[in-house]
Protein backbone atom coordinates (compact mmCIF):
# COMPACT_ATOMS: atom_id res chain seq x y z
CA UNK A 1 -2.33 -17.55 -19.65
CA UNK A 2 -5.45 -16.55 -17.20
CA UNK A 3 -6.88 -18.52 -14.46
CA UNK A 4 -7.86 -21.89 -15.67
CA UNK A 5 -11.66 -21.98 -16.55
CA UNK A 6 -12.56 -25.04 -14.67
CA UNK A 7 -10.69 -23.96 -11.74
CA UNK A 8 -12.75 -20.82 -11.75
CA UNK A 9 -15.94 -23.02 -11.80
CA UNK A 10 -14.50 -24.87 -8.76
CA UNK A 11 -13.57 -21.84 -6.79
CA UNK A 12 -16.90 -21.47 -4.80
CA UNK A 13 -16.49 -25.26 -3.68
CA UNK A 14 -12.68 -24.82 -2.82
CA UNK A 15 -13.59 -21.70 -0.64
CA UNK A 16 -16.11 -23.64 1.07
CA UNK A 17 -13.56 -26.19 2.06
CA UNK A 18 -11.22 -23.47 3.10
CA UNK A 19 -13.72 -22.08 5.34
CA UNK A 20 -14.66 -25.14 7.07
CA UNK A 21 -11.17 -25.85 7.70
CA UNK A 22 -10.71 -22.52 9.23
CA UNK A 23 -13.79 -22.99 11.39
CA UNK A 24 -12.34 -26.37 12.82
CA UNK A 25 -8.63 -25.75 13.43
CA UNK A 26 -6.25 -28.63 14.78
CA UNK A 27 -2.82 -28.21 16.04
CA UNK A 28 0.45 -29.89 15.34
CA UNK A 29 0.10 -33.73 14.74
CA UNK A 30 -3.20 -33.82 16.27
CA UNK A 31 -5.31 -33.19 12.93
CA UNK A 32 -7.62 -36.14 12.56
CA UNK A 33 -10.54 -34.28 11.42
CA UNK A 34 -8.38 -32.33 8.72
CA UNK A 35 -6.57 -35.21 7.74
CA UNK A 36 -9.71 -37.39 7.37
CA UNK A 37 -11.40 -34.63 5.26
CA UNK A 38 -8.46 -34.45 3.02
CA UNK A 39 -8.08 -38.35 2.50
CA UNK A 40 -12.06 -38.54 1.81
CA UNK A 41 -11.78 -35.73 -0.69
CA UNK A 42 -8.75 -37.43 -2.48
CA UNK A 43 -10.53 -40.63 -2.68
CA UNK A 44 -13.60 -38.96 -4.08
CA UNK A 45 -11.64 -37.16 -6.66
CA UNK A 46 -10.24 -40.73 -7.97
CA UNK A 47 -6.55 -40.38 -6.96
CA UNK A 48 -4.74 -43.70 -8.02
CA UNK A 49 -3.35 -44.08 -4.34
CA UNK A 50 -4.24 -42.42 -1.19
CA UNK A 51 -1.99 -43.18 1.91
CA UNK A 52 -2.54 -41.75 5.45
CA UNK A 53 -0.24 -41.93 8.59
CA UNK A 54 2.94 -40.61 6.76
CA UNK A 55 4.93 -38.69 9.16
CA UNK A 56 2.44 -39.79 11.95
CA UNK A 57 -0.78 -38.02 10.52
CA UNK A 58 0.22 -36.77 7.01
CA UNK A 59 -1.81 -37.65 4.00
CA UNK A 60 -0.29 -38.35 0.53
CA UNK A 61 -2.19 -38.81 -2.83
CA UNK A 62 -0.95 -40.02 -5.95
CA UNK A 63 -2.13 -38.90 -9.56
CA UNK A 64 -0.92 -40.32 -12.59
CA UNK A 65 -0.97 -38.57 -16.01
CA UNK A 66 -2.62 -39.92 -19.03
CA UNK A 67 0.95 -41.19 -20.06
CA UNK A 68 3.82 -41.76 -17.73
CA UNK A 69 6.57 -42.20 -20.52
CA UNK A 70 8.64 -39.34 -18.97
CA UNK A 71 9.05 -41.27 -15.81
CA UNK A 72 8.88 -37.72 -13.87
CA UNK A 73 7.37 -37.43 -10.57
CA UNK A 74 6.74 -34.09 -8.88
CA UNK A 75 5.61 -33.39 -5.49
CA UNK A 76 3.44 -30.65 -4.30
CA UNK A 77 3.09 -29.89 -0.56
CA UNK A 78 0.63 -28.07 1.75
CA UNK A 79 0.72 -27.71 5.38
CA UNK A 80 -2.52 -28.64 7.62
CA UNK A 81 -2.02 -27.60 11.10
CA UNK A 82 -3.30 -24.36 12.79
CA UNK A 83 -1.67 -22.17 15.62
CA UNK A 84 -2.54 -21.86 19.45
CA UNK A 85 -3.88 -18.21 19.13
CA UNK A 86 -7.28 -16.88 20.19
CA UNK A 87 -8.96 -15.41 17.11
CA UNK A 88 -9.91 -11.90 17.34
CA UNK A 89 -13.65 -11.14 17.57
CA UNK A 90 -15.20 -11.34 14.19
CA UNK A 91 -18.46 -11.68 12.56
CA UNK A 92 -17.15 -13.93 9.92
CA UNK A 93 -19.41 -17.04 9.79
CA UNK A 94 -16.42 -19.25 9.27
CA UNK A 95 -14.76 -17.95 12.39
CA UNK A 96 -12.90 -20.59 14.65
CA UNK A 97 -15.27 -22.77 16.73
CA UNK A 98 -12.33 -23.76 19.11
CA UNK A 99 -11.12 -21.28 21.69
CA UNK A 100 -7.37 -20.93 21.89
CA UNK A 101 -7.03 -22.10 18.26
CA UNK A 102 -7.22 -20.48 14.82
CA UNK A 103 -5.74 -20.75 11.32
CA UNK A 104 -3.63 -17.68 11.76
CA UNK A 105 -0.96 -18.65 9.06
CA UNK A 106 -3.18 -19.54 6.08
CA UNK A 107 -2.68 -23.40 6.29
CA UNK A 108 -6.48 -23.78 5.85
CA UNK A 109 -6.00 -21.99 2.42
CA UNK A 110 -2.84 -24.01 1.48
CA UNK A 111 -4.69 -27.16 2.15
CA UNK A 112 -7.76 -26.01 0.09
CA UNK A 113 -5.68 -24.98 -2.89
CA UNK A 114 -3.95 -28.15 -3.06
CA UNK A 115 -7.29 -30.19 -2.81
CA UNK A 116 -8.45 -27.99 -5.49
CA UNK A 117 -5.32 -28.79 -7.81
CA UNK A 118 -6.00 -32.31 -7.13
CA UNK A 119 -9.50 -32.19 -8.09
CA UNK A 120 -8.59 -30.56 -11.35
CA UNK A 121 -5.60 -32.84 -12.13
CA UNK A 122 -7.64 -36.02 -11.49
CA UNK A 123 -10.20 -34.76 -13.84
CA UNK A 124 -8.01 -33.91 -16.68
CA UNK A 125 -4.69 -35.78 -16.32
CA UNK A 126 -3.04 -33.81 -18.90
CA UNK A 127 0.38 -34.39 -18.08
CA UNK A 128 2.97 -37.09 -18.89
CA UNK A 129 4.09 -38.44 -15.29
CA UNK A 130 3.11 -38.57 -11.74
CA UNK A 131 2.08 -35.87 -9.17
CA UNK A 132 2.40 -36.68 -5.48
CA UNK A 133 0.08 -34.21 -3.44
CA UNK A 134 1.52 -34.18 0.11
CA UNK A 135 -0.50 -32.92 3.18
CA UNK A 136 1.80 -32.23 6.09
CA UNK A 137 0.84 -31.76 9.78
CA UNK A 138 2.87 -30.11 12.33
CA UNK A 139 4.64 -27.07 10.39
CA UNK A 140 4.10 -24.82 13.39
CA UNK A 141 6.93 -25.96 15.54
CA UNK A 142 6.53 -29.58 15.36
CA UNK A 143 8.83 -30.33 12.23
CA UNK A 144 6.21 -32.56 10.53
CA UNK A 145 8.14 -31.99 7.24
CA UNK A 146 11.11 -33.74 8.78
CA UNK A 147 8.74 -36.57 10.13
CA UNK A 148 7.44 -37.28 6.77
CA UNK A 149 10.84 -37.47 5.17
CA UNK A 150 12.13 -39.72 7.78
CA UNK A 151 9.00 -41.90 7.18
CA UNK A 152 10.20 -42.32 3.63
CA UNK A 153 8.16 -39.85 1.72
CA UNK A 154 10.39 -39.14 -0.96
CA UNK A 155 11.76 -42.53 -1.73
CA UNK A 156 8.50 -44.48 -1.14
CA UNK A 157 6.85 -42.31 -3.74
CA UNK A 158 9.80 -41.84 -5.99
CA UNK A 159 9.43 -37.85 -5.68
CA UNK A 160 12.33 -36.25 -7.80
CA UNK A 161 11.35 -32.47 -7.24
CA UNK A 162 9.11 -30.96 -4.52
CA UNK A 163 7.35 -27.49 -4.41
CA UNK A 164 5.40 -25.58 -1.86
CA UNK A 165 3.45 -22.55 -1.73
CA UNK A 166 2.79 -20.05 1.10
CA UNK A 167 0.54 -16.93 1.33
CA UNK A 168 2.17 -13.77 2.28
CA UNK A 169 0.45 -10.63 3.55
CA UNK A 170 1.85 -7.39 2.40
CA UNK A 171 2.37 -8.84 -1.14
CA UNK A 172 -0.32 -7.68 -3.39
CA UNK A 173 -3.08 -10.31 -4.10
CA UNK A 174 -2.30 -12.60 -6.99
CA UNK A 175 1.23 -11.59 -7.12
CA UNK A 176 4.23 -14.12 -6.69
CA UNK A 177 7.60 -13.78 -5.11
CA UNK A 178 10.45 -16.13 -4.84
CA UNK A 179 14.22 -16.29 -5.14
CA UNK A 180 16.94 -18.97 -5.95
CA UNK A 181 18.95 -19.88 -2.92
CA UNK A 182 18.17 -18.95 0.59
CA UNK A 183 14.34 -18.21 0.88
CA UNK A 184 13.52 -18.49 4.55
CA UNK A 185 15.75 -18.42 7.60
CA UNK A 186 16.93 -21.29 10.00
CA UNK A 187 15.09 -20.49 13.23
CA UNK A 188 16.93 -21.52 16.53
CA UNK A 189 15.58 -21.09 20.21
CA UNK A 190 17.49 -20.26 23.13
CA UNK A 191 16.75 -20.21 27.06
CA UNK A 192 18.98 -18.66 29.78
CA UNK A 193 18.56 -19.22 33.45
CA UNK A 194 20.76 -16.86 35.49
CA UNK A 195 21.51 -17.84 39.02
CA UNK A 196 22.67 -15.05 41.29
CA UNK A 197 22.19 -14.17 44.82
CA UNK A 198 18.98 -12.46 46.19
CA UNK A 199 18.52 -10.09 48.83
CA UNK A 200 17.01 -6.76 49.96
CA UNK A 201 16.74 -3.93 47.33
CA UNK A 202 17.90 -1.61 49.67
CA UNK A 203 21.18 -3.71 50.01
CA UNK A 204 22.30 -4.44 46.48
CA UNK A 205 25.94 -4.67 47.37
CA UNK A 206 25.16 -8.02 49.18
CA UNK A 207 23.40 -9.61 46.03
CA UNK A 208 24.38 -10.86 42.68
CA UNK A 209 21.68 -9.22 40.74
CA UNK A 210 20.43 -11.41 37.83
CA UNK A 211 18.28 -8.63 36.54
CA UNK A 212 21.18 -6.18 35.93
CA UNK A 213 23.16 -9.09 34.37
CA UNK A 214 20.30 -9.98 32.20
CA UNK A 215 19.81 -6.54 30.90
CA UNK A 216 23.38 -6.26 30.03
CA UNK A 217 23.25 -9.86 28.18
CA UNK A 218 20.17 -8.57 26.28
CA UNK A 219 22.13 -5.69 25.05
CA UNK A 220 25.27 -7.48 24.33
CA UNK A 221 23.43 -10.12 22.30
CA UNK A 222 22.69 -7.36 19.72
CA UNK A 223 26.36 -6.89 18.88
CA UNK A 224 26.35 -10.50 17.19
CA UNK A 225 24.34 -9.23 14.33
CA UNK A 226 25.68 -5.43 14.49
CA UNK A 227 29.40 -5.97 15.19
CA UNK A 228 30.21 -9.65 14.72
CA UNK A 229 28.76 -10.58 11.49
CA UNK A 230 29.28 -9.33 7.94
CA UNK A 231 26.63 -6.67 7.15
CA UNK A 232 26.02 -8.55 4.01
CA UNK A 233 25.04 -11.54 5.86
CA UNK A 234 21.64 -11.81 7.48
CA UNK A 235 21.28 -12.48 11.29
CA UNK A 236 18.53 -11.68 13.87
CA UNK A 237 18.79 -12.16 17.48
CA UNK A 238 15.43 -11.39 19.34
CA UNK A 239 15.16 -11.86 23.24
CA UNK A 240 11.41 -12.20 23.63
CA UNK A 241 10.98 -13.01 27.37
CA UNK A 242 12.55 -11.88 30.59
CA UNK A 243 11.11 -12.95 33.76
CA UNK A 244 12.61 -12.23 37.34
CA UNK A 245 11.26 -11.14 40.66
CA UNK A 246 7.91 -10.87 42.57
CA UNK A 247 8.40 -7.70 44.68
CA UNK A 248 9.34 -4.21 44.32
CA UNK A 249 11.72 -4.30 47.18
CA UNK A 250 13.26 -7.87 46.60
CA UNK A 251 16.41 -8.57 44.20
CA UNK A 252 15.45 -11.82 43.13
CA UNK A 253 18.02 -14.82 43.11
CA UNK A 254 17.44 -15.76 39.46
CA UNK A 255 16.17 -14.55 36.07
CA UNK A 256 14.89 -16.34 32.96
CA UNK A 257 15.31 -15.33 29.37
CA UNK A 258 14.19 -16.59 26.08
CA UNK A 259 14.29 -15.79 22.43
CA UNK A 260 15.35 -16.80 18.82
CA UNK A 261 18.23 -16.56 16.49
CA UNK A 262 17.43 -16.51 12.84
CA UNK A 263 20.17 -16.86 10.10
CA UNK A 264 20.46 -17.55 6.21
CA UNK A 265 23.73 -19.04 6.06
CA UNK A 266 24.86 -22.27 7.70
CA UNK A 267 28.21 -20.99 8.67
CA UNK A 268 26.59 -17.84 10.14
CA UNK A 269 24.43 -20.05 12.15
CA UNK A 270 27.03 -21.89 13.64
CA UNK A 271 28.98 -18.74 14.54
CA UNK A 272 26.09 -16.97 15.90
CA UNK A 273 25.55 -20.04 18.49
CA UNK A 274 29.23 -19.74 19.37
CA UNK A 275 29.30 -16.06 19.86
CA UNK A 276 25.87 -16.23 21.95
CA UNK A 277 27.34 -18.64 24.19
CA UNK A 278 30.48 -16.75 24.74
CA UNK A 279 28.65 -13.56 25.53
CA UNK A 280 26.06 -15.19 28.00
CA UNK A 281 28.83 -17.17 29.81
CA UNK A 282 31.34 -14.26 29.83
CA UNK A 283 28.84 -11.86 31.21
CA UNK A 284 27.68 -14.27 33.89
CA UNK A 285 31.12 -14.98 35.00
CA UNK A 286 32.04 -11.47 34.99
CA UNK A 287 29.43 -10.83 37.64
CA UNK A 288 30.11 -14.01 39.60
CA UNK A 289 26.68 -15.53 38.38
CA UNK A 290 25.97 -18.93 36.89
CA UNK A 291 24.23 -19.09 33.42
CA UNK A 292 22.44 -22.22 32.25
CA UNK A 293 22.04 -22.19 28.41
CA UNK A 294 19.54 -24.28 26.56
CA UNK A 295 20.21 -23.70 22.77
CA UNK A 296 18.01 -25.53 20.52
CA UNK A 297 18.50 -25.89 16.73
CA UNK A 298 15.14 -25.30 14.89
CA UNK A 299 14.34 -25.57 11.25
CA UNK A 300 17.42 -25.10 8.79
CA UNK A 301 17.47 -22.64 6.19
CA UNK A 302 14.83 -23.04 3.34
CA UNK A 303 17.03 -22.98 0.24
CA UNK A 304 15.39 -22.98 -3.14
CA UNK A 305 17.16 -25.00 -5.91
CA UNK A 306 18.24 -22.33 -8.69
CA UNK A 307 16.75 -24.29 -11.53
CA UNK A 308 13.52 -25.02 -9.82
CA UNK A 309 13.07 -21.68 -8.52
CA UNK A 310 13.41 -20.04 -12.20
CA UNK A 311 11.11 -22.79 -13.42
CA UNK A 312 8.46 -21.80 -10.92
CA UNK A 313 8.95 -18.28 -11.68
CA UNK A 314 8.26 -18.72 -15.43
CA UNK A 315 5.15 -20.69 -14.62
CA UNK A 316 3.96 -17.88 -12.48
CA UNK A 317 4.88 -15.35 -15.39
CA UNK A 318 2.93 -17.18 -17.98
CA UNK A 319 -0.15 -17.31 -15.29
CA UNK A 320 -0.38 -13.73 -14.07
CA UNK A 321 2.20 -11.89 -16.13
CA UNK A 322 5.86 -10.86 -15.55
CA UNK A 323 4.92 -7.58 -13.74
CA UNK A 324 3.33 -9.67 -11.08
CA UNK A 325 6.21 -11.93 -10.39
CA UNK A 326 9.39 -10.81 -8.40
CA UNK A 327 11.85 -13.69 -8.95
CA UNK A 328 14.64 -12.15 -6.94
CA UNK A 329 12.53 -11.16 -3.97
CA UNK A 330 14.32 -10.55 -0.59
CA UNK A 331 14.24 -13.66 1.72
CA UNK A 332 12.20 -13.83 4.79
CA UNK A 333 13.67 -14.28 8.18
CA UNK A 334 10.70 -16.42 8.95
CA UNK A 335 11.21 -20.26 9.39
CA UNK A 336 9.77 -23.19 7.46
CA UNK A 337 9.96 -26.89 7.82
CA UNK A 338 9.41 -27.43 4.17
CA UNK A 339 13.28 -26.84 4.52
CA UNK A 340 13.69 -30.54 5.33
CA UNK A 341 12.20 -31.80 2.07
CA UNK A 342 14.47 -29.28 0.18
CA UNK A 343 17.49 -30.83 1.70
CA UNK A 344 16.76 -34.11 0.18
CA UNK A 345 15.20 -33.11 -3.08
CA UNK A 346 15.59 -29.95 -5.43
CA UNK A 347 12.53 -27.82 -5.46
CA UNK A 348 11.26 -24.27 -4.49
CA UNK A 349 9.26 -22.54 -1.99
CA UNK A 350 6.93 -19.69 -3.48
CA UNK A 351 5.04 -16.87 -1.81
CA UNK A 352 1.63 -15.94 -3.17
CA UNK A 353 0.50 -12.51 -2.07
CA UNK A 354 -2.40 -12.27 0.38
CA UNK A 355 -2.89 -8.63 -0.14
CA UNK A 356 -3.38 -5.91 2.43
CA UNK A 357 -4.43 -8.17 5.35
CA UNK A 358 -3.39 -8.68 8.86
CA UNK A 359 0.06 -10.40 9.17
CA UNK A 360 0.75 -14.06 9.59
CA UNK A 361 0.07 -15.34 13.28
CA UNK A 362 -1.94 -12.29 14.11
CA UNK A 363 -5.35 -12.90 15.77
CA UNK A 364 -7.13 -10.79 13.02
CA UNK A 365 -5.56 -12.71 10.33
CA UNK A 366 -7.85 -14.46 7.71
CA UNK A 367 -6.71 -16.05 4.25
CA UNK A 368 -7.83 -14.11 1.19
CA UNK A 369 -10.09 -16.25 -0.59
CA UNK A 370 -9.76 -14.22 -3.80
CA UNK A 371 -6.38 -15.79 -4.32
CA UNK A 372 -7.58 -19.36 -4.37
CA UNK A 373 -8.06 -19.57 -8.23
CA UNK A 374 -4.47 -18.12 -9.13
CA UNK A 375 -3.05 -20.54 -6.34
CA UNK A 376 -4.86 -23.48 -7.82
CA UNK A 377 -4.07 -22.63 -11.36
CA UNK A 378 -0.55 -22.31 -10.48
CA UNK A 379 -0.31 -25.75 -9.35
CA UNK A 380 -2.07 -27.16 -12.20
CA UNK A 381 0.05 -25.35 -14.79
CA UNK A 382 3.31 -26.11 -12.98
CA UNK A 383 2.39 -29.84 -13.23
CA UNK A 384 1.30 -29.59 -16.97
CA UNK A 385 4.54 -27.54 -17.83
CA UNK A 386 6.86 -29.74 -15.97
CA UNK A 387 5.52 -32.94 -17.45
CA UNK A 388 3.73 -32.06 -20.83
CA UNK A 389 1.62 -34.51 -22.60
CA UNK A 390 3.34 -35.74 -25.69
């Protein structure tokens, strides 16, 4: 089952949408231009219903099939927001027009592909049921998926299953990867402020040095994954910031550390936080310092439903061939707020290979337009396979 001919015909138009979105990146929930463009296109296509303002600035389109005897309603989700990253210098005409912002994760491509699928599905309606196309804001740290769920997304539109697709650099273009069960990690954030006693660097014995204590904490935190958690379980603890001091000859009174903890198992997530607190407080106490900890739970584990994952894998096999589909791919330790939708409805997250490109969240990243026909065709075939016309 190759790329759909009609989708191939639409590819240049879809690519133009993608590049326009790339040139005009918007952040978190503040996506007025993007959301307006999406809603306008959905109305032009002839969606049976277009609703804006779901989850603050999300957009939803409803497309009925030629018949609806099956009673089935399937949701397809794309994310719309960009990142606060300065795009690397480039001669691409569609480069970001806004300093300090760029589509460094491919949400421009995700939105364009789902728009392309909506265009095709409204034209053909060759399915028995209803499709709900979901355009979500604030995936990049704003929990827009949760906001849409809490705003009644699933119940209001009667969604029974929900799917999402994400491009993935490093996977060959037009290859798919997914797995049943945990697909992406829970992502938690921590901040530590160490309060010691500052003084002259020539008299360290008169101080309580927060830099030395912080260094010990950085090292000790690595034992959570290396020595406290079953090696067959996944856990990442990364300290990503360490700030202290302003002079070469002064031991500062305080230090600040920040980082993230990633896990794939809810029980491991709980244990990692408990052990984190014990290590930080224990080392601070041992050195007569005070540790103030802020530990923030981020997105939960993205867990694919077993049946939905195998169904999506089979659709992908029929589209590109079994040799281009890895249905038992290793999970990613990256986080995704599509996890909130999968907590309330069965479904699956699917990776579509972006090829040998710069990585996600990299200033030189760009979505690979060559994968657009495959992504759009996958959405169309998933709908037509899930809800075949009688």
